[in-house]
């Protein structure tokens, strides 16, 4: 279990793995970026990439499984909307890791300068 000082932002290990695995791919990061500023149809997203519609659908499915986007139907279209809350939770975890390493580096620096 990943512990976070604010339990509303806590993520379990599986959630962390899904989020960072999804964000490890450049196309998926771009889809998240595009859908954070507004919803987009899967067709419109597919037109932006040199890959098949089915490949873009798979990328969206991975992002949806990680909670980074939400997919819903509007008439005949499947629309995708970014989920900023999941990104906030991932950022909070990264902030905690950064703080942990800053403290460790400060201790190391103090140890090295005291000798």
PDB file of N, CA and C in Angstrom:
ATOM      1  N   UNK A   1       0.839  -1.186   0.000  1.00  0.00           N
ATOM      2  CA  UNK A   1       0.000   0.000   0.000  1.00  0.00           C
ATOM      3  C   UNK A   1       0.878   1.241   0.000  1.00  0.00           C
ATOM      4  N   UNK A   2       0.605   2.165  -0.888  1.00  0.00           N
ATOM      5  CA  UNK A   2       1.319   3.429  -0.927  1.00  0.00           C
ATOM      6  C   UNK A   2       0.671   4.334   0.100  1.00  0.00           C
ATOM      7  N   UNK A   3       1.462   4.806   1.032  1.00  0.00           N
ATOM      8  CA  UNK A   3       0.925   5.665   2.078  1.00  0.00           C
ATOM      9  C   UNK A   3       1.068   7.110   1.635  1.00  0.00           C
ATOM     10  N   UNK A   4       0.057   7.885   1.890  1.00  0.00           N
ATOM     11  CA  UNK A   4       0.062   9.302   1.552  1.00  0.00           C
ATOM     12  C   UNK A   4      -0.493  10.047   2.744  1.00  0.00           C
ATOM     13  N   UNK A   5       0.092  11.201   3.046  1.00  0.00           N
ATOM     14  CA  UNK A   5      -0.346  11.955   4.217  1.00  0.00           C
ATOM     15  C   UNK A   5      -1.809  12.399   4.099  1.00  0.00           C
ATOM     16  N   UNK A   6      -2.293  12.618   2.915  1.00  0.00           N
ATOM     17  CA  UNK A   6      -3.697  12.962   2.692  1.00  0.00           C
ATOM     18  C   UNK A   6      -4.377  11.726   2.106  1.00  0.00           C
ATOM     19  N   UNK A   7      -5.170  11.029   2.905  1.00  0.00           N
ATOM     20  CA  UNK A   7      -5.761   9.757   2.479  1.00  0.00           C
ATOM     21  C   UNK A   7      -6.661   9.887   1.248  1.00  0.00           C
ATOM     22  N   UNK A   8      -7.183  11.094   0.984  1.00  0.00           N
ATOM     23  CA  UNK A   8      -7.992  11.280  -0.218  1.00  0.00           C
ATOM     24  C   UNK A   8      -7.153  11.104  -1.470  1.00  0.00           C
ATOM     25  N   UNK A   9      -5.853  11.325  -1.356  1.00  0.00           N
ATOM     26  CA  UNK A   9      -4.965  11.234  -2.509  1.00  0.00           C
ATOM     27  C   UNK A   9      -4.231   9.898  -2.572  1.00  0.00           C
ATOM     28  N   UNK A  10      -4.424   9.037  -1.573  1.00  0.00           N
ATOM     29  CA  UNK A  10      -3.689   7.777  -1.510  1.00  0.00           C
ATOM     30  C   UNK A  10      -4.010   6.888  -2.706  1.00  0.00           C
ATOM     31  N   UNK A  11      -2.981   6.218  -3.183  1.00  0.00           N
ATOM     32  CA  UNK A  11      -3.104   5.261  -4.279  1.00  0.00           C
ATOM     33  C   UNK A  11      -2.538   3.939  -3.803  1.00  0.00           C
ATOM     34  N   UNK A  12      -3.179   2.837  -4.186  1.00  0.00           N
ATOM     35  CA  UNK A  12      -2.574   1.558  -3.841  1.00  0.00           C
ATOM     36  C   UNK A  12      -1.554   1.180  -4.922  1.00  0.00           C
ATOM     37  N   UNK A  13      -0.778   0.147  -4.666  1.00  0.00           N
ATOM     38  CA  UNK A  13       0.315  -0.234  -5.567  1.00  0.00           C
ATOM     39  C   UNK A  13      -0.184  -0.528  -6.976  1.00  0.00           C
ATOM     40  N   UNK A  14      -1.317  -1.217  -7.098  1.00  0.00           N
ATOM     41  CA  UNK A  14      -1.850  -1.531  -8.429  1.00  0.00           C
ATOM     42  C   UNK A  14      -2.233  -0.268  -9.194  1.00  0.00           C
ATOM     43  N   UNK A  15      -2.839   0.694  -8.502  1.00  0.00           N
ATOM     44  CA  UNK A  15      -3.201   1.950  -9.152  1.00  0.00           C
ATOM     45  C   UNK A  15      -1.957   2.692  -9.634  1.00  0.00           C
ATOM     46  N   UNK A  16      -0.944   2.747  -8.788  1.00  0.00           N
ATOM     47  CA  UNK A  16       0.303   3.417  -9.159  1.00  0.00           C
ATOM     48  C   UNK A  16       0.909   2.746 -10.388  1.00  0.00           C
ATOM     49  N   UNK A  17       0.950   1.421 -10.391  1.00  0.00           N
ATOM     50  CA  UNK A  17       1.500   0.692 -11.537  1.00  0.00           C
ATOM     51  C   UNK A  17       0.722   0.989 -12.811  1.00  0.00           C
ATOM     52  N   UNK A  18      -0.609   0.970 -12.731  1.00  0.00           N
ATOM     53  CA  UNK A  18      -1.425   1.230 -13.927  1.00  0.00           C
ATOM     54  C   UNK A  18      -1.216   2.650 -14.447  1.00  0.00           C
ATOM     55  N   UNK A  19      -1.167   3.613 -13.550  1.00  0.00           N
ATOM     56  CA  UNK A  19      -1.002   5.014 -13.962  1.00  0.00           C
ATOM     57  C   UNK A  19       0.338   5.218 -14.650  1.00  0.00           C
ATOM     58  N   UNK A  20       1.414   4.780 -14.007  1.00  0.00           N
ATOM     59  CA  UNK A  20       2.736   5.048 -14.579  1.00  0.00           C
ATOM     60  C   UNK A  20       3.035   4.171 -15.793  1.00  0.00           C
ATOM     61  N   UNK A  21       2.451   2.980 -15.849  1.00  0.00           N
ATOM     62  CA  UNK A  21       2.578   2.163 -17.065  1.00  0.00           C
ATOM     63  C   UNK A  21       1.873   2.855 -18.222  1.00  0.00           C
ATOM     64  N   UNK A  22       0.697   3.400 -17.954  1.00  0.00           N
ATOM     65  CA  UNK A  22      -0.049   4.110 -19.002  1.00  0.00           C
ATOM     66  C   UNK A  22       0.703   5.352 -19.465  1.00  0.00           C
ATOM     67  N   UNK A  23       1.301   6.069 -18.542  1.00  0.00           N
ATOM     68  CA  UNK A  23       2.013   7.302 -18.886  1.00  0.00           C
ATOM     69  C   UNK A  23       3.404   7.054 -19.480  1.00  0.00           C
ATOM     70  N   UNK A  24       3.837   5.803 -19.495  1.00  0.00           N
ATOM     71  CA  UNK A  24       5.162   5.479 -20.046  1.00  0.00           C
ATOM     72  C   UNK A  24       5.182   5.576 -21.570  1.00  0.00           C
ATOM     73  N   UNK A  25       4.022   5.650 -22.193  1.00  0.00           N
ATOM     74  CA  UNK A  25       3.939   5.693 -23.649  1.00  0.00           C
ATOM     75  C   UNK A  25       3.660   7.121 -24.118  1.00  0.00           C
ATOM     76  N   UNK A  26       4.435   7.597 -25.104  1.00  0.00           N
ATOM     77  CA  UNK A  26       4.308   8.971 -25.595  1.00  0.00           C
ATOM     78  C   UNK A  26       2.927   9.259 -26.196  1.00  0.00           C
ATOM     79  N   UNK A  27       2.371   8.318 -26.932  1.00  0.00           N
ATOM     80  CA  UNK A  27       1.043   8.526 -27.522  1.00  0.00           C
ATOM     81  C   UNK A  27      -0.002   8.679 -26.429  1.00  0.00           C
ATOM     82  N   UNK A  28       0.077   7.846 -25.409  1.00  0.00           N
ATOM     83  CA  UNK A  28      -0.904   7.946 -24.325  1.00  0.00           C
ATOM     84  C   UNK A  28      -0.749   9.257 -23.565  1.00  0.00           C
ATOM     85  N   UNK A  29       0.493   9.697 -23.342  1.00  0.00           N
ATOM     86  CA  UNK A  29       0.683  10.995 -22.678  1.00  0.00           C
ATOM     87  C   UNK A  29       0.067  12.112 -23.513  1.00  0.00           C
ATOM     88  N   UNK A  30       0.209  12.011 -24.830  1.00  0.00           N
ATOM     89  CA  UNK A  30      -0.359  13.030 -25.707  1.00  0.00           C
ATOM     90  C   UNK A  30      -1.889  12.993 -25.672  1.00  0.00           C
ATOM     91  N   UNK A  31      -2.468  11.811 -25.631  1.00  0.00           N
ATOM     92  CA  UNK A  31      -3.929  11.697 -25.534  1.00  0.00           C
ATOM     93  C   UNK A  31      -4.406  12.328 -24.229  1.00  0.00           C
ATOM     94  N   UNK A  32      -3.698  12.074 -23.133  1.00  0.00           N
ATOM     95  CA  UNK A  32      -4.063  12.701 -21.855  1.00  0.00           C
ATOM     96  C   UNK A  32      -3.985  14.220 -21.985  1.00  0.00           C
ATOM     97  N   UNK A  33      -2.914  14.721 -22.573  1.00  0.00           N
ATOM     98  CA  UNK A  33      -2.747  16.170 -22.739  1.00  0.00           C
ATOM     99  C   UNK A  33      -3.901  16.760 -23.547  1.00  0.00           C
ATOM    100  N   UNK A  34      -4.239  16.106 -24.648  1.00  0.00           N
ATOM    101  CA  UNK A  34      -5.318  16.604 -25.512  1.00  0.00           C
ATOM    102  C   UNK A  34      -6.671  16.582 -24.806  1.00  0.00           C
ATOM    103  N   UNK A  35      -6.913  15.589 -23.971  1.00  0.00           N
ATOM    104  CA  UNK A  35      -8.237  15.450 -23.346  1.00  0.00           C
ATOM    105  C   UNK A  35      -8.348  16.197 -22.019  1.00  0.00           C
ATOM    106  N   UNK A  36      -7.272  16.716 -21.519  1.00  0.00           N
ATOM    107  CA  UNK A  36      -7.356  17.523 -20.298  1.00  0.00           C
ATOM    108  C   UNK A  36      -7.933  18.900 -20.583  1.00  0.00           C
ATOM    109  N   UNK A  37      -7.731  19.391 -21.790  1.00  0.00           N
ATOM    110  CA  UNK A  37      -8.243  20.719 -22.115  1.00  0.00           C
ATOM    111  C   UNK A  37      -9.673  20.670 -22.650  1.00  0.00           C
ATOM    112  N   UNK A  38     -10.189  19.485 -22.882  1.00  0.00           N
ATOM    113  CA  UNK A  38     -11.556  19.326 -23.359  1.00  0.00           C
ATOM    114  C   UNK A  38     -11.757  17.931 -23.910  1.00  0.00           C
ATOM    115  N   UNK A  39     -12.984  17.535 -24.040  1.00  0.00           N
ATOM    116  CA  UNK A  39     -13.262  16.197 -24.529  1.00  0.00           C
ATOM    117  C   UNK A  39     -12.935  16.094 -26.016  1.00  0.00           C
ATOM    118  N   UNK A  40     -12.668  14.870 -26.443  1.00  0.00           N
ATOM    119  CA  UNK A  40     -12.373  14.606 -27.854  1.00  0.00           C
ATOM    120  C   UNK A  40     -12.964  13.251 -28.217  1.00  0.00           C
ATOM    121  N   UNK A  41     -13.441  13.154 -29.434  1.00  0.00           N
ATOM    122  CA  UNK A  41     -13.942  11.860 -29.887  1.00  0.00           C
ATOM    123  C   UNK A  41     -12.751  10.973 -30.222  1.00  0.00           C
ATOM    124  N   UNK A  42     -12.965   9.678 -30.138  1.00  0.00           N
ATOM    125  CA  UNK A  42     -11.894   8.748 -30.493  1.00  0.00           C
ATOM    126  C   UNK A  42     -11.538   8.926 -31.970  1.00  0.00           C
ATOM    127  N   UNK A  43     -12.509   9.219 -32.808  1.00  0.00           N
ATOM    128  CA  UNK A  43     -12.238   9.464 -34.229  1.00  0.00           C
ATOM    129  C   UNK A  43     -11.308  10.653 -34.413  1.00  0.00           C
ATOM    130  N   UNK A  44     -11.570  11.721 -33.701  1.00  0.00           N
ATOM    131  CA  UNK A  44     -10.715  12.919 -33.810  1.00  0.00           C
ATOM    132  C   UNK A  44      -9.319  12.624 -33.273  1.00  0.00           C
ATOM    133  N   UNK A  45      -9.251  11.886 -32.181  1.00  0.00           N
ATOM    134  CA  UNK A  45      -7.935  11.505 -31.659  1.00  0.00           C
ATOM    135  C   UNK A  45      -7.181  10.653 -32.679  1.00  0.00           C
ATOM    136  N   UNK A  46      -7.878   9.683 -33.283  1.00  0.00           N
ATOM    137  CA  UNK A  46      -7.239   8.781 -34.247  1.00  0.00           C
ATOM    138  C   UNK A  46      -6.684   9.547 -35.445  1.00  0.00           C
ATOM    139  N   UNK A  47      -7.357  10.608 -35.845  1.00  0.00           N
ATOM    140  CA  UNK A  47      -6.900  11.402 -36.985  1.00  0.00           C
ATOM    141  C   UNK A  47      -5.565  12.101 -36.696  1.00  0.00           C
ATOM    142  N   UNK A  48      -5.231  12.259 -35.420  1.00  0.00           N
ATOM    143  CA  UNK A  48      -4.007  12.961 -35.050  1.00  0.00           C
ATOM    144  C   UNK A  48      -2.764  12.066 -35.063  1.00  0.00           C
ATOM    145  N   UNK A  49      -2.953  10.776 -35.229  1.00  0.00           N
ATOM    146  CA  UNK A  49      -1.831   9.836 -35.136  1.00  0.00           C
ATOM    147  C   UNK A  49      -1.731   8.980 -36.389  1.00  0.00           C
ATOM    148  N   UNK A  50      -0.536   8.570 -36.683  1.00  0.00           N
ATOM    149  CA  UNK A  50      -0.308   7.672 -37.826  1.00  0.00           C
ATOM    150  C   UNK A  50      -0.415   6.232 -37.357  1.00  0.00           C
ATOM    151  N   UNK A  51      -1.608   5.876 -36.941  1.00  0.00           N
ATOM    152  CA  UNK A  51      -1.897   4.507 -36.513  1.00  0.00           C
ATOM    153  C   UNK A  51      -3.372   4.260 -36.746  1.00  0.00           C
ATOM    154  N   UNK A  52      -3.772   3.036 -36.621  1.00  0.00           N
ATOM    155  CA  UNK A  52      -5.168   2.686 -36.883  1.00  0.00           C
ATOM    156  C   UNK A  52      -6.094   3.197 -35.774  1.00  0.00           C
ATOM    157  N   UNK A  53      -7.349   3.300 -36.133  1.00  0.00           N
ATOM    158  CA  UNK A  53      -8.381   3.658 -35.173  1.00  0.00           C
ATOM    159  C   UNK A  53      -8.367   2.674 -34.012  1.00  0.00           C
ATOM    160  N   UNK A  54      -8.233   1.370 -34.335  1.00  0.00           N
ATOM    161  CA  UNK A  54      -8.215   0.326 -33.292  1.00  0.00           C
ATOM    162  C   UNK A  54      -7.048   0.515 -32.336  1.00  0.00           C
ATOM    163  N   UNK A  55      -5.894   0.927 -32.849  1.00  0.00           N
ATOM    164  CA  UNK A  55      -4.721   1.148 -31.983  1.00  0.00           C
ATOM    165  C   UNK A  55      -4.987   2.300 -31.020  1.00  0.00           C
ATOM    166  N   UNK A  56      -5.611   3.365 -31.529  1.00  0.00           N
ATOM    167  CA  UNK A  56      -5.942   4.503 -30.653  1.00  0.00           C
ATOM    168  C   UNK A  56      -6.964   4.063 -29.610  1.00  0.00           C
ATOM    169  N   UNK A  57      -7.933   3.248 -30.007  1.00  0.00           N
ATOM    170  CA  UNK A  57      -8.909   2.723 -29.047  1.00  0.00           C
ATOM    171  C   UNK A  57      -8.212   1.944 -27.933  1.00  0.00           C
ATOM    172  N   UNK A  58      -7.202   1.165 -28.287  1.00  0.00           N
ATOM    173  CA  UNK A  58      -6.462   0.395 -27.275  1.00  0.00           C
ATOM    174  C   UNK A  58      -5.733   1.330 -26.321  1.00  0.00           C
ATOM    175  N   UNK A  59      -5.121   2.383 -26.867  1.00  0.00           N
ATOM    176  CA  UNK A  59      -4.445   3.357 -26.002  1.00  0.00           C
ATOM    177  C   UNK A  59      -5.444   3.998 -25.034  1.00  0.00           C
ATOM    178  N   UNK A  60      -6.606   4.360 -25.546  1.00  0.00           N
ATOM    179  CA  UNK A  60      -7.642   4.974 -24.701  1.00  0.00           C
ATOM    180  C   UNK A  60      -8.097   3.981 -23.630  1.00  0.00           C
ATOM    181  N   UNK A  61      -8.208   2.722 -23.984  1.00  0.00           N
ATOM    182  CA  UNK A  61      -8.612   1.696 -23.002  1.00  0.00           C
ATOM    183  C   UNK A  61      -7.588   1.577 -21.871  1.00  0.00           C
ATOM    184  N   UNK A  62      -6.319   1.617 -22.217  1.00  0.00           N
ATOM    185  CA  UNK A  62      -5.268   1.562 -21.185  1.00  0.00           C
ATOM    186  C   UNK A  62      -5.391   2.782 -20.269  1.00  0.00           C
ATOM    187  N   UNK A  63      -5.581   3.954 -20.861  1.00  0.00           N
ATOM    188  CA  UNK A  63      -5.723   5.179 -20.067  1.00  0.00           C
ATOM    189  C   UNK A  63      -6.971   5.136 -19.195  1.00  0.00           C
ATOM    190  N   UNK A  64      -8.043   4.589 -19.727  1.00  0.00           N
ATOM    191  CA  UNK A  64      -9.285   4.470 -18.948  1.00  0.00           C
ATOM    192  C   UNK A  64      -9.085   3.504 -17.786  1.00  0.00           C
ATOM    193  N   UNK A  65      -8.394   2.397 -18.029  1.00  0.00           N
ATOM    194  CA  UNK A  65      -8.114   1.432 -16.964  1.00  0.00           C
ATOM    195  C   UNK A  65      -7.263   2.013 -15.851  1.00  0.00           C
ATOM    196  N   UNK A  66      -6.441   3.002 -16.198  1.00  0.00           N
ATOM    197  CA  UNK A  66      -5.601   3.671 -15.198  1.00  0.00           C
ATOM    198  C   UNK A  66      -6.332   4.832 -14.528  1.00  0.00           C
ATOM    199  N   UNK A  67      -7.527   5.137 -15.000  1.00  0.00           N
ATOM    200  CA  UNK A  67      -8.294   6.241 -14.423  1.00  0.00           C
ATOM    201  C   UNK A  67      -7.858   7.600 -14.918  1.00  0.00           C
ATOM    202  N   UNK A  68      -7.033   7.643 -15.963  1.00  0.00           N
ATOM    203  CA  UNK A  68      -6.535   8.920 -16.479  1.00  0.00           C
ATOM    204  C   UNK A  68      -7.514   9.603 -17.426  1.00  0.00           C
ATOM    205  N   UNK A  69      -8.405   8.821 -18.025  1.00  0.00           N
ATOM    206  CA  UNK A  69      -9.459   9.382 -18.871  1.00  0.00           C
ATOM    207  C   UNK A  69     -10.765   8.650 -18.587  1.00  0.00           C
ATOM    208  N   UNK A  70     -11.849   9.281 -18.976  1.00  0.00           N
ATOM    209  CA  UNK A  70     -13.170   8.680 -18.902  1.00  0.00           C
ATOM    210  C   UNK A  70     -13.725   8.651 -20.320  1.00  0.00           C
ATOM    211  N   UNK A  71     -14.297   7.522 -20.691  1.00  0.00           N
ATOM    212  CA  UNK A  71     -14.871   7.365 -22.028  1.00  0.00           C
ATOM    213  C   UNK A  71     -16.387   7.228 -21.868  1.00  0.00           C
ATOM    214  N   UNK A  72     -17.131   7.928 -22.702  1.00  0.00           N
ATOM    215  CA  UNK A  72     -18.581   7.826 -22.637  1.00  0.00           C
ATOM    216  C   UNK A  72     -19.172   8.039 -24.023  1.00  0.00           C
ATOM    217  N   UNK A  73     -20.397   7.610 -24.179  1.00  0.00           N
ATOM    218  CA  UNK A  73     -21.079   7.702 -25.466  1.00  0.00           C
ATOM    219  C   UNK A  73     -21.918   8.981 -25.505  1.00  0.00           C
ATOM    220  N   UNK A  74     -21.858   9.646 -26.652  1.00  0.00           N
ATOM    221  CA  UNK A  74     -22.713  10.803 -26.917  1.00  0.00           C
ATOM    222  C   UNK A  74     -23.239  10.626 -28.331  1.00  0.00           C
ATOM    223  N   UNK A  75     -24.467  10.183 -28.436  1.00  0.00           N
ATOM    224  CA  UNK A  75     -25.007   9.844 -29.753  1.00  0.00           C
ATOM    225  C   UNK A  75     -24.257   8.663 -30.337  1.00  0.00           C
ATOM    226  N   UNK A  76     -23.712   8.841 -31.523  1.00  0.00           N
ATOM    227  CA  UNK A  76     -22.959   7.765 -32.169  1.00  0.00           C
ATOM    228  C   UNK A  76     -21.467   7.828 -31.859  1.00  0.00           C
ATOM    229  N   UNK A  77     -21.034   8.849 -31.167  1.00  0.00           N
ATOM    230  CA  UNK A  77     -19.602   9.019 -30.894  1.00  0.00           C
ATOM    231  C   UNK A  77     -19.221   8.509 -29.511  1.00  0.00           C
ATOM    232  N   UNK A  78     -17.981   8.078 -29.406  1.00  0.00           N
ATOM    233  CA  UNK A  78     -17.379   7.758 -28.113  1.00  0.00           C
ATOM    234  C   UNK A  78     -16.459   8.924 -27.782  1.00  0.00           C
ATOM    235  N   UNK A  79     -16.768   9.634 -26.720  1.00  0.00           N
ATOM    236  CA  UNK A  79     -15.974  10.797 -26.314  1.00  0.00           C
ATOM    237  C   UNK A  79     -15.062  10.431 -25.154  1.00  0.00           C
ATOM    238  N   UNK A  80     -13.932  11.109 -25.118  1.00  0.00           N
ATOM    239  CA  UNK A  80     -12.930  10.863 -24.094  1.00  0.00           C
ATOM    240  C   UNK A  80     -12.651  12.184 -23.390  1.00  0.00           C
ATOM    241  N   UNK A  81     -12.635  12.123 -22.069  1.00  0.00           N
ATOM    242  CA  UNK A  81     -12.353  13.306 -21.253  1.00  0.00           C
ATOM    243  C   UNK A  81     -11.262  12.937 -20.259  1.00  0.00           C
ATOM    244  N   UNK A  82     -10.282  13.821 -20.109  1.00  0.00           N
ATOM    245  CA  UNK A  82      -9.213  13.597 -19.147  1.00  0.00           C
ATOM    246  C   UNK A  82      -9.722  13.690 -17.720  1.00  0.00           C
ATOM    247  N   UNK A  83      -9.044  12.986 -16.817  1.00  0.00           N
ATOM    248  CA  UNK A  83      -9.412  12.984 -15.404  1.00  0.00           C
ATOM    249  C   UNK A  83      -8.301  13.664 -14.606  1.00  0.00           C
ATOM    250  N   UNK A  84      -8.429  14.967 -14.351  1.00  0.00           N
ATOM    251  CA  UNK A  84      -7.363  15.683 -13.644  1.00  0.00           C
ATOM    252  C   UNK A  84      -7.131  15.182 -12.218  1.00  0.00           C
ATOM    253  N   UNK A  85      -8.153  14.610 -11.586  1.00  0.00           N
ATOM    254  CA  UNK A  85      -7.981  14.123 -10.211  1.00  0.00           C
ATOM    255  C   UNK A  85      -6.934  13.015 -10.136  1.00  0.00           C
ATOM    256  N   UNK A  86      -6.943  12.116 -11.108  1.00  0.00           N
ATOM    257  CA  UNK A  86      -5.940  11.042 -11.115  1.00  0.00           C
ATOM    258  C   UNK A  86      -4.545  11.621 -11.292  1.00  0.00           C
ATOM    259  N   UNK A  87      -4.408  12.616 -12.161  1.00  0.00           N
ATOM    260  CA  UNK A  87      -3.091  13.255 -12.327  1.00  0.00           C
ATOM    261  C   UNK A  87      -2.654  13.958 -11.053  1.00  0.00           C
ATOM    262  N   UNK A  88      -3.601  14.580 -10.356  1.00  0.00           N
ATOM    263  CA  UNK A  88      -3.262  15.234  -9.073  1.00  0.00           C
ATOM    264  C   UNK A  88      -2.754  14.206  -8.064  1.00  0.00           C
ATOM    265  N   UNK A  89      -3.398  13.051  -8.047  1.00  0.00           N
ATOM    266  CA  UNK A  89      -2.994  11.999  -7.102  1.00  0.00           C
ATOM    267  C   UNK A  89      -1.596  11.477  -7.449  1.00  0.00           C
ATOM    268  N   UNK A  90      -1.326  11.291  -8.737  1.00  0.00           N
ATOM    269  CA  UNK A  90       0.010  10.845  -9.152  1.00  0.00           C
ATOM    270  C   UNK A  90       1.047  11.916  -8.835  1.00  0.00           C
ATOM    271  N   UNK A  91       0.700  13.184  -9.068  1.00  0.00           N
ATOM    272  CA  UNK A  91       1.622  14.280  -8.759  1.00  0.00           C
ATOM    273  C   UNK A  91       1.909  14.356  -7.261  1.00  0.00           C
ATOM    274  N   UNK A  92       0.893  14.140  -6.438  1.00  0.00           N
ATOM    275  CA  UNK A  92       1.088  14.162  -4.991  1.00  0.00           C
ATOM    276  C   UNK A  92       2.063  13.067  -4.567  1.00  0.00           C
ATOM    277  N   UNK A  93       1.953  11.898  -5.174  1.00  0.00           N
ATOM    278  CA  UNK A  93       2.882  10.809  -4.871  1.00  0.00           C
ATOM    279  C   UNK A  93       4.300  11.185  -5.291  1.00  0.00           C
ATOM    280  N   UNK A  94       4.448  11.747  -6.477  1.00  0.00           N
ATOM    281  CA  UNK A  94       5.770  12.178  -6.941  1.00  0.00           C
ATOM    282  C   UNK A  94       6.337  13.276  -6.040  1.00  0.00           C
ATOM    283  N   UNK A  95       5.488  14.172  -5.576  1.00  0.00           N
ATOM    284  CA  UNK A  95       5.932  15.221  -4.659  1.00  0.00           C
ATOM    285  C   UNK A  95       6.476  14.625  -3.360  1.00  0.00           C
ATOM    286  N   UNK A  96       5.809  13.577  -2.869  1.00  0.00           N
ATOM    287  CA  UNK A  96       6.297  12.925  -1.655  1.00  0.00           C
ATOM    288  C   UNK A  96       7.658  12.267  -1.878  1.00  0.00           C
ATOM    289  N   UNK A  97       7.818  11.611  -3.031  1.00  0.00           N
ATOM    290  CA  UNK A  97       9.120  11.015  -3.343  1.00  0.00           C
ATOM    291  C   UNK A  97      10.195  12.091  -3.462  1.00  0.00           C
ATOM    292  N   UNK A  98       9.843  13.201  -4.087  1.00  0.00           N
ATOM    293  CA  UNK A  98      10.806  14.292  -4.210  1.00  0.00           C
ATOM    294  C   UNK A  98      11.229  14.793  -2.826  1.00  0.00           C
ATOM    295  N   UNK A  99      10.255  14.988  -1.951  1.00  0.00           N
ATOM    296  CA  UNK A  99      10.570  15.462  -0.592  1.00  0.00           C
ATOM    297  C   UNK A  99      11.453  14.464   0.146  1.00  0.00           C
ATOM    298  N   UNK A 100      11.139  13.187   0.018  1.00  0.00           N
ATOM    299  CA  UNK A 100      11.944  12.146   0.647  1.00  0.00           C
ATOM    300  C   UNK A 100      13.398  12.231   0.191  1.00  0.00           C
ATOM    301  N   UNK A 101      13.611  12.350  -1.120  1.00  0.00           N
ATOM    302  CA  UNK A 101      14.975  12.408  -1.645  1.00  0.00           C
ATOM    303  C   UNK A 101      15.660  13.715  -1.303  1.00  0.00           C
ATOM    304  N   UNK A 102      14.944  14.809  -1.224  1.00  0.00           N
ATOM    305  CA  UNK A 102      15.563  16.079  -0.809  1.00  0.00           C
ATOM    306  C   UNK A 102      16.080  15.968   0.629  1.00  0.00           C
ATOM    307  N   UNK A 103      15.288  15.358   1.505  1.00  0.00           N
ATOM    308  CA  UNK A 103      15.718  15.170   2.892  1.00  0.00           C
ATOM    309  C   UNK A 103      16.961  14.286   2.937  1.00  0.00           C
ATOM    310  N   UNK A 104      16.960  13.210   2.188  1.00  0.00           N
ATOM    311  CA  UNK A 104      18.108  12.301   2.172  1.00  0.00           C
ATOM    312  C   UNK A 104      19.357  12.984   1.619  1.00  0.00           C
ATOM    313  N   UNK A 105      19.201  13.764   0.574  1.00  0.00           N
ATOM    314  CA  UNK A 105      20.351  14.464   0.002  1.00  0.00           C
ATOM    315  C   UNK A 105      20.885  15.530   0.958  1.00  0.00           C
ATOM    316  N   UNK A 106      19.989  16.189   1.665  1.00  0.00           N
ATOM    317  CA  UNK A 106      20.417  17.187   2.659  1.00  0.00           C
ATOM    318  C   UNK A 106      21.217  16.511   3.765  1.00  0.00           C
ATOM    319  N   UNK A 107      20.729  15.361   4.236  1.00  0.00           N
ATOM    320  CA  UNK A 107      21.465  14.618   5.275  1.00  0.00           C
ATOM    321  C   UNK A 107      22.835  14.186   4.779  1.00  0.00           C
ATOM    322  N   UNK A 108      22.878  13.717   3.548  1.00  0.00           N
ATOM    323  CA  UNK A 108      24.154  13.282   2.972  1.00  0.00           C
ATOM    324  C   UNK A 108      25.107  14.464   2.850  1.00  0.00           C
ATOM    325  N   UNK A 109      24.605  15.583   2.387  1.00  0.00           N
ATOM    326  CA  UNK A 109      25.436  16.791   2.274  1.00  0.00           C
ATOM    327  C   UNK A 109      25.970  17.219   3.638  1.00  0.00           C
ATOM    328  N   UNK A 110      25.110  17.190   4.666  1.00  0.00           N
ATOM    329  CA  UNK A 110      25.531  17.556   6.015  1.00  0.00           C
ATOM    330  C   UNK A 110      26.593  16.587   6.525  1.00  0.00           C
ATOM    331  N   UNK A 111      26.412  15.332   6.241  1.00  0.00           N
ATOM    332  CA  UNK A 111      27.375  14.319   6.670  1.00  0.00           C
ATOM    333  C   UNK A 111      28.719  14.528   5.985  1.00  0.00           C
ATOM    334  N   UNK A 112      28.706  14.826   4.722  1.00  0.00           N
ATOM    335  CA  UNK A 112      29.948  15.014   3.981  1.00  0.00           C
ATOM    336  C   UNK A 112      30.671  16.305   4.357  1.00  0.00           C
ATOM    337  N   UNK A 113      29.943  17.351   4.677  1.00  0.00           N
ATOM    338  CA  UNK A 113      30.575  18.610   5.051  1.00  0.00           C
ATOM    339  C   UNK A 113      31.042  18.621   6.501  1.00  0.00           C
ATOM    340  N   UNK A 114      30.508  17.713   7.326  1.00  0.00           N
ATOM    341  CA  UNK A 114      30.916  17.693   8.733  1.00  0.00           C
ATOM    342  C   UNK A 114      32.209  16.928   8.938  1.00  0.00           C
ATOM    343  N   UNK A 115      32.633  16.179   7.965  1.00  0.00           N
ATOM    344  CA  UNK A 115      33.865  15.383   8.120  1.00  0.00           C
ATOM    345  C   UNK A 115      35.087  16.133   7.767  1.00  0.00           C
TER     346      UNK A 115
END
